[in-house]
Amino acid sequence: MSHANTAYAIEVQGRSAGIVVAERGGFTFFVSDWAFRDLDRRTFRNVGQAQRAAHQHYSRLPDTRRR
């Protein structure tokens, strides 16, 4: 199965965290909300792993960055 040009939006608590784009070796996360900047350009094995990382990251944010 080819993953060329495959991208998925990642949303957390109604916020657009970013997109993950299929590349060789996994899915690269590109943030659209700077609150998720620690995930920018990280590579994940699959979309589910990226989604879980975004949710975990959001849960650790101070309340001031969740707005």
PDB file of N, CA and C in Angstrom:
ATOM      1  N   MET A   1       0.844  -1.189   0.000  1.00  0.00           N
ATOM      2  CA  MET A   1       0.000   0.000   0.000  1.00  0.00           C
ATOM      3  C   MET A   1       0.881   1.240   0.000  1.00  0.00           C
ATOM      4  N   SER A   2       0.621   2.156  -0.869  1.00  0.00           N
ATOM      5  CA  SER A   2       1.376   3.396  -0.948  1.00  0.00           C
ATOM      6  C   SER A   2       0.769   4.446  -0.023  1.00  0.00           C
ATOM      7  N   HIS A   3       1.642   5.178   0.663  1.00  0.00           N
ATOM      8  CA  HIS A   3       1.196   6.251   1.548  1.00  0.00           C
ATOM      9  C   HIS A   3       1.446   7.626   0.933  1.00  0.00           C
ATOM     10  N   ALA A   4       1.773   7.658  -0.347  1.00  0.00           N
ATOM     11  CA  ALA A   4       2.103   8.932  -0.980  1.00  0.00           C
ATOM     12  C   ALA A   4       0.961   9.933  -0.814  1.00  0.00           C
ATOM     13  N   ASN A   5       1.316  11.105  -0.360  1.00  0.00           N
ATOM     14  CA  ASN A   5       0.370  12.205  -0.201  1.00  0.00           C
ATOM     15  C   ASN A   5      -0.783  11.899   0.765  1.00  0.00           C
ATOM     16  N   THR A   6      -0.555  11.002   1.721  1.00  0.00           N
ATOM     17  CA  THR A   6      -1.581  10.686   2.707  1.00  0.00           C
ATOM     18  C   THR A   6      -1.351  11.562   3.931  1.00  0.00           C
ATOM     19  N   ALA A   7      -2.403  12.284   4.338  1.00  0.00           N
ATOM     20  CA  ALA A   7      -2.299  13.164   5.498  1.00  0.00           C
ATOM     21  C   ALA A   7      -3.567  13.051   6.329  1.00  0.00           C
ATOM     22  N   TYR A   8      -3.413  13.199   7.631  1.00  0.00           N
ATOM     23  CA  TYR A   8      -4.537  13.119   8.551  1.00  0.00           C
ATOM     24  C   TYR A   8      -4.487  14.297   9.508  1.00  0.00           C
ATOM     25  N   ALA A   9      -5.649  14.893   9.748  1.00  0.00           N
ATOM     26  CA  ALA A   9      -5.745  15.984  10.719  1.00  0.00           C
ATOM     27  C   ALA A   9      -5.809  15.389  12.118  1.00  0.00           C
ATOM     28  N   ILE A  10      -5.125  16.034  13.058  1.00  0.00           N
ATOM     29  CA  ILE A  10      -5.152  15.627  14.457  1.00  0.00           C
ATOM     30  C   ILE A  10      -5.826  16.746  15.245  1.00  0.00           C
ATOM     31  N   GLU A  11      -6.900  16.402  15.931  1.00  0.00           N
ATOM     32  CA  GLU A  11      -7.645  17.371  16.720  1.00  0.00           C
ATOM     33  C   GLU A  11      -7.705  16.901  18.167  1.00  0.00           C
ATOM     34  N   VAL A  12      -7.538  17.849  19.098  1.00  0.00           N
ATOM     35  CA  VAL A  12      -7.577  17.546  20.520  1.00  0.00           C
ATOM     36  C   VAL A  12      -8.462  18.575  21.210  1.00  0.00           C
ATOM     37  N   GLN A  13      -9.506  18.107  21.876  1.00  0.00           N
ATOM     38  CA  GLN A  13     -10.411  18.994  22.612  1.00  0.00           C
ATOM     39  C   GLN A  13     -10.903  20.156  21.744  1.00  0.00           C
ATOM     40  N   GLY A  14     -11.232  19.867  20.491  1.00  0.00           N
ATOM     41  CA  GLY A  14     -11.744  20.884  19.595  1.00  0.00           C
ATOM     42  C   GLY A  14     -10.692  21.803  18.997  1.00  0.00           C
ATOM     43  N   ARG A  15      -9.428  21.524  19.282  1.00  0.00           N
ATOM     44  CA  ARG A  15      -8.329  22.338  18.720  1.00  0.00           C
ATOM     45  C   ARG A  15      -7.634  21.551  17.623  1.00  0.00           C
ATOM     46  N   SER A  16      -7.307  22.237  16.562  1.00  0.00           N
ATOM     47  CA  SER A  16      -6.541  21.614  15.491  1.00  0.00           C
ATOM     48  C   SER A  16      -5.074  21.593  15.901  1.00  0.00           C
ATOM     49  N   ALA A  17      -4.606  20.433  16.331  1.00  0.00           N
ATOM     50  CA  ALA A  17      -3.216  20.304  16.778  1.00  0.00           C
ATOM     51  C   ALA A  17      -2.254  20.343  15.598  1.00  0.00           C
ATOM     52  N   GLY A  18      -2.662  19.704  14.501  1.00  0.00           N
ATOM     53  CA  GLY A  18      -1.813  19.681  13.321  1.00  0.00           C
ATOM     54  C   GLY A  18      -2.226  18.580  12.371  1.00  0.00           C
ATOM     55  N   ILE A  19      -1.316  18.244  11.484  1.00  0.00           N
ATOM     56  CA  ILE A  19      -1.551  17.136  10.563  1.00  0.00           C
ATOM     57  C   ILE A  19      -0.363  16.192  10.642  1.00  0.00           C
ATOM     58  N   VAL A  20      -0.619  14.937  10.326  1.00  0.00           N
ATOM     59  CA  VAL A  20       0.469  13.975  10.162  1.00  0.00           C
ATOM     60  C   VAL A  20       0.478  13.560   8.704  1.00  0.00           C
ATOM     61  N   VAL A  21       1.663  13.507   8.152  1.00  0.00           N
ATOM     62  CA  VAL A  21       1.839  13.197   6.741  1.00  0.00           C
ATOM     63  C   VAL A  21       2.656  11.920   6.623  1.00  0.00           C
ATOM     64  N   ALA A  22       2.157  10.978   5.839  1.00  0.00           N
ATOM     65  CA  ALA A  22       2.861   9.716   5.628  1.00  0.00           C
ATOM     66  C   ALA A  22       4.144   9.961   4.848  1.00  0.00           C
ATOM     67  N   GLU A  23       5.225   9.425   5.388  1.00  0.00           N
ATOM     68  CA  GLU A  23       6.531   9.483   4.736  1.00  0.00           C
ATOM     69  C   GLU A  23       7.206   8.146   4.952  1.00  0.00           C
ATOM     70  N   ARG A  24       8.320   7.948   4.351  1.00  0.00           N
ATOM     71  CA  ARG A  24       9.050   6.710   4.585  1.00  0.00           C
ATOM     72  C   ARG A  24       9.372   6.572   6.059  1.00  0.00           C
ATOM     73  N   GLY A  25       9.011   5.447   6.610  1.00  0.00           N
ATOM     74  CA  GLY A  25       9.356   5.191   7.997  1.00  0.00           C
ATOM     75  C   GLY A  25       8.331   5.669   8.999  1.00  0.00           C
ATOM     76  N   GLY A  26       7.212   6.233   8.559  1.00  0.00           N
ATOM     77  CA  GLY A  26       6.202   6.640   9.516  1.00  0.00           C
ATOM     78  C   GLY A  26       5.409   7.853   9.078  1.00  0.00           C
ATOM     79  N   PHE A  27       4.903   8.571  10.075  1.00  0.00           N
ATOM     80  CA  PHE A  27       4.070   9.746   9.855  1.00  0.00           C
ATOM     81  C   PHE A  27       4.690  10.939  10.576  1.00  0.00           C
ATOM     82  N   THR A  28       4.948  11.998   9.853  1.00  0.00           N
ATOM     83  CA  THR A  28       5.549  13.196  10.438  1.00  0.00           C
ATOM     84  C   THR A  28       4.459  14.175  10.840  1.00  0.00           C
ATOM     85  N   PHE A  29       4.580  14.699  12.062  1.00  0.00           N
ATOM     86  CA  PHE A  29       3.603  15.625  12.641  1.00  0.00           C
ATOM     87  C   PHE A  29       4.018  17.055  12.315  1.00  0.00           C
ATOM     88  N   PHE A  30       3.100  17.824  11.753  1.00  0.00           N
ATOM     89  CA  PHE A  30       3.315  19.244  11.492  1.00  0.00           C
ATOM     90  C   PHE A  30       2.254  20.005  12.281  1.00  0.00           C
ATOM     91  N   VAL A  31       2.670  20.795  13.249  1.00  0.00           N
ATOM     92  CA  VAL A  31       1.697  21.462  14.113  1.00  0.00           C
ATOM     93  C   VAL A  31       1.014  22.621  13.402  1.00  0.00           C
ATOM     94  N   SER A  32      -0.238  22.843  13.779  1.00  0.00           N
ATOM     95  CA  SER A  32      -0.966  24.016  13.306  1.00  0.00           C
ATOM     96  C   SER A  32      -1.311  24.923  14.481  1.00  0.00           C
ATOM     97  N   ASP A  33      -1.164  24.407  15.691  1.00  0.00           N
ATOM     98  CA  ASP A  33      -1.403  25.168  16.925  1.00  0.00           C
ATOM     99  C   ASP A  33      -0.093  25.128  17.703  1.00  0.00           C
ATOM    100  N   TRP A  34       0.483  26.284  17.933  1.00  0.00           N
ATOM    101  CA  TRP A  34       1.814  26.354  18.529  1.00  0.00           C
ATOM    102  C   TRP A  34       1.867  25.764  19.935  1.00  0.00           C
ATOM    103  N   ALA A  35       0.736  25.564  20.596  1.00  0.00           N
ATOM    104  CA  ALA A  35       0.715  24.903  21.901  1.00  0.00           C
ATOM    105  C   ALA A  35       1.251  23.467  21.789  1.00  0.00           C
ATOM    106  N   PHE A  36       1.248  22.917  20.585  1.00  0.00           N
ATOM    107  CA  PHE A  36       1.723  21.553  20.346  1.00  0.00           C
ATOM    108  C   PHE A  36       3.126  21.532  19.735  1.00  0.00           C
ATOM    109  N   ARG A  37       3.839  22.637  19.838  1.00  0.00           N
ATOM    110  CA  ARG A  37       5.133  22.790  19.160  1.00  0.00           C
ATOM    111  C   ARG A  37       6.154  21.709  19.492  1.00  0.00           C
ATOM    112  N   ASP A  38       6.047  21.098  20.666  1.00  0.00           N
ATOM    113  CA  ASP A  38       6.999  20.048  21.021  1.00  0.00           C
ATOM    114  C   ASP A  38       6.859  18.811  20.124  1.00  0.00           C
ATOM    115  N   LEU A  39       5.748  18.695  19.443  1.00  0.00           N
ATOM    116  CA  LEU A  39       5.518  17.555  18.546  1.00  0.00           C
ATOM    117  C   LEU A  39       5.902  17.864  17.101  1.00  0.00           C
ATOM    118  N   ASP A  40       6.213  19.123  16.808  1.00  0.00           N
ATOM    119  CA  ASP A  40       6.474  19.528  15.432  1.00  0.00           C
ATOM    120  C   ASP A  40       7.616  18.733  14.813  1.00  0.00           C
ATOM    121  N   ARG A  41       7.312  18.138  13.684  1.00  0.00           N
ATOM    122  CA  ARG A  41       8.255  17.355  12.863  1.00  0.00           C
ATOM    123  C   ARG A  41       8.731  16.062  13.514  1.00  0.00           C
ATOM    124  N   ARG A  42       8.051  15.632  14.578  1.00  0.00           N
ATOM    125  CA  ARG A  42       8.344  14.310  15.140  1.00  0.00           C
ATOM    126  C   ARG A  42       7.720  13.255  14.245  1.00  0.00           C
ATOM    127  N   THR A  43       8.362  12.113  14.164  1.00  0.00           N
ATOM    128  CA  THR A  43       7.857  11.013  13.355  1.00  0.00           C
ATOM    129  C   THR A  43       7.292   9.925  14.265  1.00  0.00           C
ATOM    130  N   PHE A  44       6.126   9.434  13.875  1.00  0.00           N
ATOM    131  CA  PHE A  44       5.435   8.387  14.619  1.00  0.00           C
ATOM    132  C   PHE A  44       5.234   7.184  13.717  1.00  0.00           C
ATOM    133  N   ARG A  45       5.129   6.001  14.320  1.00  0.00           N
ATOM    134  CA  ARG A  45       4.946   4.772  13.535  1.00  0.00           C
ATOM    135  C   ARG A  45       3.622   4.760  12.789  1.00  0.00           C
ATOM    136  N   ASN A  46       2.580   5.328  13.418  1.00  0.00           N
ATOM    137  CA  ASN A  46       1.260   5.310  12.799  1.00  0.00           C
ATOM    138  C   ASN A  46       0.453   6.512  13.290  1.00  0.00           C
ATOM    139  N   VAL A  47      -0.715   6.707  12.708  1.00  0.00           N
ATOM    140  CA  VAL A  47      -1.561   7.856  13.036  1.00  0.00           C
ATOM    141  C   VAL A  47      -2.048   7.770  14.482  1.00  0.00           C
ATOM    142  N   GLY A  48      -2.398   6.582  14.940  1.00  0.00           N
ATOM    143  CA  GLY A  48      -2.876   6.416  16.314  1.00  0.00           C
ATOM    144  C   GLY A  48      -1.845   6.838  17.337  1.00  0.00           C
ATOM    145  N   GLN A  49      -0.599   6.513  17.089  1.00  0.00           N
ATOM    146  CA  GLN A  49       0.479   6.909  18.004  1.00  0.00           C
ATOM    147  C   GLN A  49       0.605   8.429  18.040  1.00  0.00           C
ATOM    148  N   ALA A  50       0.480   9.086  16.903  1.00  0.00           N
ATOM    149  CA  ALA A  50       0.552  10.553  16.845  1.00  0.00           C
ATOM    150  C   ALA A  50      -0.629  11.171  17.593  1.00  0.00           C
ATOM    151  N   GLN A  51      -1.811  10.604  17.411  1.00  0.00           N
ATOM    152  CA  GLN A  51      -3.012  11.092  18.097  1.00  0.00           C
ATOM    153  C   GLN A  51      -2.848  10.970  19.611  1.00  0.00           C
ATOM    154  N   ARG A  52      -2.370   9.829  20.083  1.00  0.00           N
ATOM    155  CA  ARG A  52      -2.147   9.630  21.527  1.00  0.00           C
ATOM    156  C   ARG A  52      -1.116  10.613  22.065  1.00  0.00           C
ATOM    157  N   ALA A  53      -0.053  10.853  21.309  1.00  0.00           N
ATOM    158  CA  ALA A  53       0.980  11.796  21.746  1.00  0.00           C
ATOM    159  C   ALA A  53       0.403  13.203  21.875  1.00  0.00           C
ATOM    160  N   ALA A  54      -0.462  13.596  20.935  1.00  0.00           N
ATOM    161  CA  ALA A  54      -1.075  14.925  20.989  1.00  0.00           C
ATOM    162  C   ALA A  54      -1.978  15.044  22.214  1.00  0.00           C
ATOM    163  N   HIS A  55      -2.767  14.011  22.493  1.00  0.00           N
ATOM    164  CA  HIS A  55      -3.640  14.034  23.675  1.00  0.00           C
ATOM    165  C   HIS A  55      -2.823  14.082  24.964  1.00  0.00           C
ATOM    166  N   GLN A  56      -1.763  13.289  25.033  1.00  0.00           N
ATOM    167  CA  GLN A  56      -0.912  13.289  26.224  1.00  0.00           C
ATOM    168  C   GLN A  56      -0.243  14.641  26.410  1.00  0.00           C
ATOM    169  N   HIS A  57       0.234  15.206  25.319  1.00  0.00           N
ATOM    170  CA  HIS A  57       0.887  16.517  25.387  1.00  0.00           C
ATOM    171  C   HIS A  57      -0.098  17.567  25.901  1.00  0.00           C
ATOM    172  N   TYR A  58      -1.305  17.557  25.358  1.00  0.00           N
ATOM    173  CA  TYR A  58      -2.316  18.531  25.757  1.00  0.00           C
ATOM    174  C   TYR A  58      -2.650  18.393  27.245  1.00  0.00           C
ATOM    175  N   SER A  59      -2.737  17.180  27.729  1.00  0.00           N
ATOM    176  CA  SER A  59      -3.097  16.968  29.139  1.00  0.00           C
ATOM    177  C   SER A  59      -2.021  17.494  30.091  1.00  0.00           C
ATOM    178  N   ARG A  60      -0.794  17.637  29.607  1.00  0.00           N
ATOM    179  CA  ARG A  60       0.301  18.154  30.440  1.00  0.00           C
ATOM    180  C   ARG A  60       0.474  19.661  30.345  1.00  0.00           C
ATOM    181  N   LEU A  61      -0.258  20.316  29.439  1.00  0.00           N
ATOM    182  CA  LEU A  61      -0.127  21.758  29.279  1.00  0.00           C
ATOM    183  C   LEU A  61      -0.687  22.496  30.486  1.00  0.00           C
ATOM    184  N   PRO A  62      -0.021  23.579  30.904  1.00  0.00           N
ATOM    185  CA  PRO A  62      -0.623  24.429  31.941  1.00  0.00           C
ATOM    186  C   PRO A  62      -1.907  25.046  31.397  1.00  0.00           C
ATOM    187  N   ASP A  63      -2.832  25.339  32.278  1.00  0.00           N
ATOM    188  CA  ASP A  63      -4.127  25.919  31.862  1.00  0.00           C
ATOM    189  C   ASP A  63      -3.954  27.160  30.983  1.00  0.00           C
ATOM    190  N   THR A  64      -2.910  27.937  31.226  1.00  0.00           N
ATOM    191  CA  THR A  64      -2.711  29.162  30.457  1.00  0.00           C
ATOM    192  C   THR A  64      -2.408  28.878  28.992  1.00  0.00           C
ATOM    193  N   ARG A  65      -1.848  27.725  28.668  1.00  0.00           N
ATOM    194  CA  ARG A  65      -1.528  27.376  27.274  1.00  0.00           C
ATOM    195  C   ARG A  65      -2.668  26.624  26.602  1.00  0.00           C
ATOM    196  N   ARG A  66      -3.684  26.257  27.368  1.00  0.00           N
ATOM    197  CA  ARG A  66      -4.822  25.517  26.794  1.00  0.00           C
ATOM    198  C   ARG A  66      -5.850  26.452  26.170  1.00  0.00           C
ATOM    199  N   ARG A  67      -5.656  27.713  26.283  1.00  0.00           N
ATOM    200  CA  ARG A  67      -6.643  28.682  25.744  1.00  0.00           C
ATOM    201  C   ARG A  67      -6.357  29.037  24.322  1.00  0.00           C
TER     202      ARG A  67
END
